[in-house]
Amino acid sequence: QVQLVESGGGLVQAGGSLRLSCAASGRSFSDYAMSWFRQAPEKERQFVAGINWSGGTTNYAGSVKGRFTISRDNAKNSVYLQMNSLKAEDTAVYYCATPYSRWSRVVRTITDIAYWGQGTQVTVSS
């Protein structure tokens, strides 16, 4: 059973920083790409950032490029999202996610996601 557990969310002022973590278990973490999605109230869930299985390739949504950084530590079965220069519009529940297929490139599409975490709330006050 694959489990993804996010942590690190909270309340921060605009311009501040947060670091989200996602701990994975249940399968060989280093074989799978990882992604972060977010969902604001009354909006669809959207891709934020992704990293391929080896960590050699990353991809970002245009709205966060240059402010957010995704990374992974395969020894710790964890993926991280460093969020800097936060804006009020970054307020959302952030979800860690991973696809069905091994050794895939960065996954940006919800339909390719096999497992989701429970989500962690990020609130940015303006």
Protein backbone atom coordinates (compact mmCIF):
# COMPACT_ATOMS: atom_id res chain seq x y z
CA GLN A 1 0.00 0.00 0.00
CA VAL A 2 1.55 3.28 -1.13
CA GLN A 3 1.28 6.10 1.38
CA LEU A 4 2.21 9.75 0.93
CA VAL A 5 2.26 12.00 3.98
CA GLU A 6 2.72 15.75 3.57
CA SER A 7 3.87 18.18 6.23
CA GLY A 8 5.12 21.74 6.54
CA GLY A 9 2.05 23.76 5.64
CA GLY A 10 0.89 26.72 7.67
CA LEU A 11 0.14 30.43 7.76
CA VAL A 12 2.72 32.83 6.40
CA GLN A 13 2.77 36.47 5.39
CA ALA A 14 3.12 37.48 1.77
CA GLY A 15 6.77 37.49 0.78
CA GLY A 16 7.61 34.74 3.24
CA SER A 17 8.75 31.16 2.74
CA LEU A 18 7.60 27.65 3.57
CA ARG A 19 9.08 24.23 2.90
CA LEU A 20 6.71 21.34 2.31
CA SER A 21 7.80 17.74 2.78
CA CYS A 22 6.27 14.50 1.57
CA ALA A 23 7.31 11.14 2.98
CA ALA A 24 6.55 8.13 0.81
CA SER A 25 6.27 4.45 1.67
CA GLY A 26 4.98 1.24 0.16
CA ARG A 27 7.05 0.91 -3.00
CA SER A 28 10.50 1.70 -4.37
CA PHE A 29 10.51 5.49 -4.08
CA SER A 30 13.54 6.06 -6.28
CA ASP A 31 11.85 4.43 -9.29
CA TYR A 32 8.99 6.94 -9.54
CA ALA A 33 8.50 10.56 -10.47
CA MET A 34 6.92 12.83 -7.87
CA SER A 35 4.73 15.89 -8.25
CA TRP A 36 3.08 18.62 -6.21
CA PHE A 37 -0.42 19.84 -7.03
CA ARG A 38 -2.58 22.40 -5.29
CA GLN A 39 -6.26 23.17 -5.00
CA ALA A 40 -7.70 26.50 -3.92
CA PRO A 41 -11.31 26.82 -2.73
CA GLU A 42 -13.82 26.39 -5.57
CA LYS A 43 -11.03 25.84 -8.09
CA GLU A 44 -9.74 22.78 -9.90
CA ARG A 45 -6.65 20.97 -8.71
CA GLN A 46 -3.63 22.16 -10.65
CA PHE A 47 -0.04 21.09 -11.24
CA VAL A 48 2.60 23.05 -9.33
CA ALA A 49 5.93 21.24 -9.74
CA GLY A 50 7.30 17.85 -10.64
CA ILE A 51 10.55 15.90 -10.59
CA ASN A 52 11.45 12.77 -12.49
CA TRP A 53 12.52 9.51 -10.86
CA SER A 54 16.23 10.32 -10.85
CA GLY A 55 15.90 13.94 -9.83
CA GLY A 56 17.60 15.06 -13.00
CA THR A 57 14.59 16.79 -14.51
CA THR A 58 12.19 19.26 -12.93
CA ASN A 59 9.22 21.16 -14.27
CA TYR A 60 7.13 24.01 -12.89
CA ALA A 61 3.86 25.76 -13.50
CA GLY A 62 4.44 29.20 -14.94
CA SER A 63 2.89 30.88 -11.90
CA VAL A 64 5.54 29.48 -9.53
CA LYS A 65 8.63 29.29 -11.74
CA GLY A 66 11.51 31.14 -10.15
CA ARG A 67 9.87 31.11 -6.70
CA PHE A 68 9.36 27.40 -5.95
CA THR A 69 11.92 24.60 -6.04
CA ILE A 70 11.17 20.88 -6.00
CA SER A 71 13.77 18.39 -4.84
CA ARG A 72 13.97 14.80 -3.68
CA ASP A 73 16.08 12.71 -1.36
CA ASN A 74 15.83 9.09 -2.44
CA ALA A 75 17.72 7.93 0.64
CA LYS A 76 14.96 9.41 2.80
CA ASN A 77 12.06 8.48 0.48
CA SER A 78 11.05 12.11 0.50
CA VAL A 79 10.23 14.95 -1.85
CA TYR A 80 10.26 18.63 -0.92
CA LEU A 81 8.80 21.88 -2.17
CA GLN A 82 10.64 25.04 -1.16
CA MET A 83 8.30 27.98 -1.63
CA ASN A 84 9.75 31.51 -1.55
CA SER A 85 8.25 34.93 -2.20
CA LEU A 86 4.82 33.59 -1.39
CA LYS A 87 1.76 35.44 -2.62
CA ALA A 88 -1.86 35.44 -1.47
CA GLU A 89 -2.78 33.55 -4.64
CA ASP A 90 -0.57 30.65 -3.54
CA THR A 91 -3.11 29.91 -0.79
CA ALA A 92 -4.37 26.36 -1.33
CA VAL A 93 -4.22 22.80 -0.12
CA TYR A 94 -1.01 21.28 -1.47
CA TYR A 95 -0.92 17.61 -2.44
CA CYS A 96 1.99 15.29 -3.02
CA ALA A 97 1.39 12.80 -5.84
CA THR A 98 3.04 9.97 -7.75
CA PRO A 99 2.20 8.17 -11.01
CA TYR A 100 1.47 4.60 -11.98
CA SER A 101 4.56 4.04 -14.12
CA ARG A 102 8.14 3.52 -13.10
CA TRP A 103 10.93 5.68 -14.49
CA SER A 104 8.56 8.20 -16.01
CA ARG A 105 9.33 11.76 -16.90
CA VAL A 106 7.73 14.59 -14.90
CA VAL A 107 4.00 14.02 -14.48
CA ARG A 108 1.79 17.10 -14.89
CA THR A 109 -1.57 15.47 -15.59
CA ILE A 110 -4.03 14.41 -12.91
CA THR A 111 -5.15 11.37 -14.89
CA ASP A 112 -1.60 9.98 -14.73
CA ILE A 113 -1.53 10.12 -10.94
CA ALA A 114 -1.93 6.85 -9.07
CA TYR A 115 -1.55 7.99 -5.46
CA TRP A 116 -2.24 11.20 -3.55
CA GLY A 117 -1.33 12.43 -0.12
CA GLN A 118 -3.94 13.83 2.25
CA GLY A 119 -2.87 17.42 1.58
CA THR A 120 -1.44 20.22 3.69
CA GLN A 121 -2.95 23.70 3.95
CA VAL A 122 -0.86 26.71 2.94
CA THR A 123 -2.35 30.11 3.73
CA VAL A 124 -0.61 33.31 2.67
CA SER A 125 -1.88 36.49 4.24
CA SER A 126 -1.55 39.75 2.31
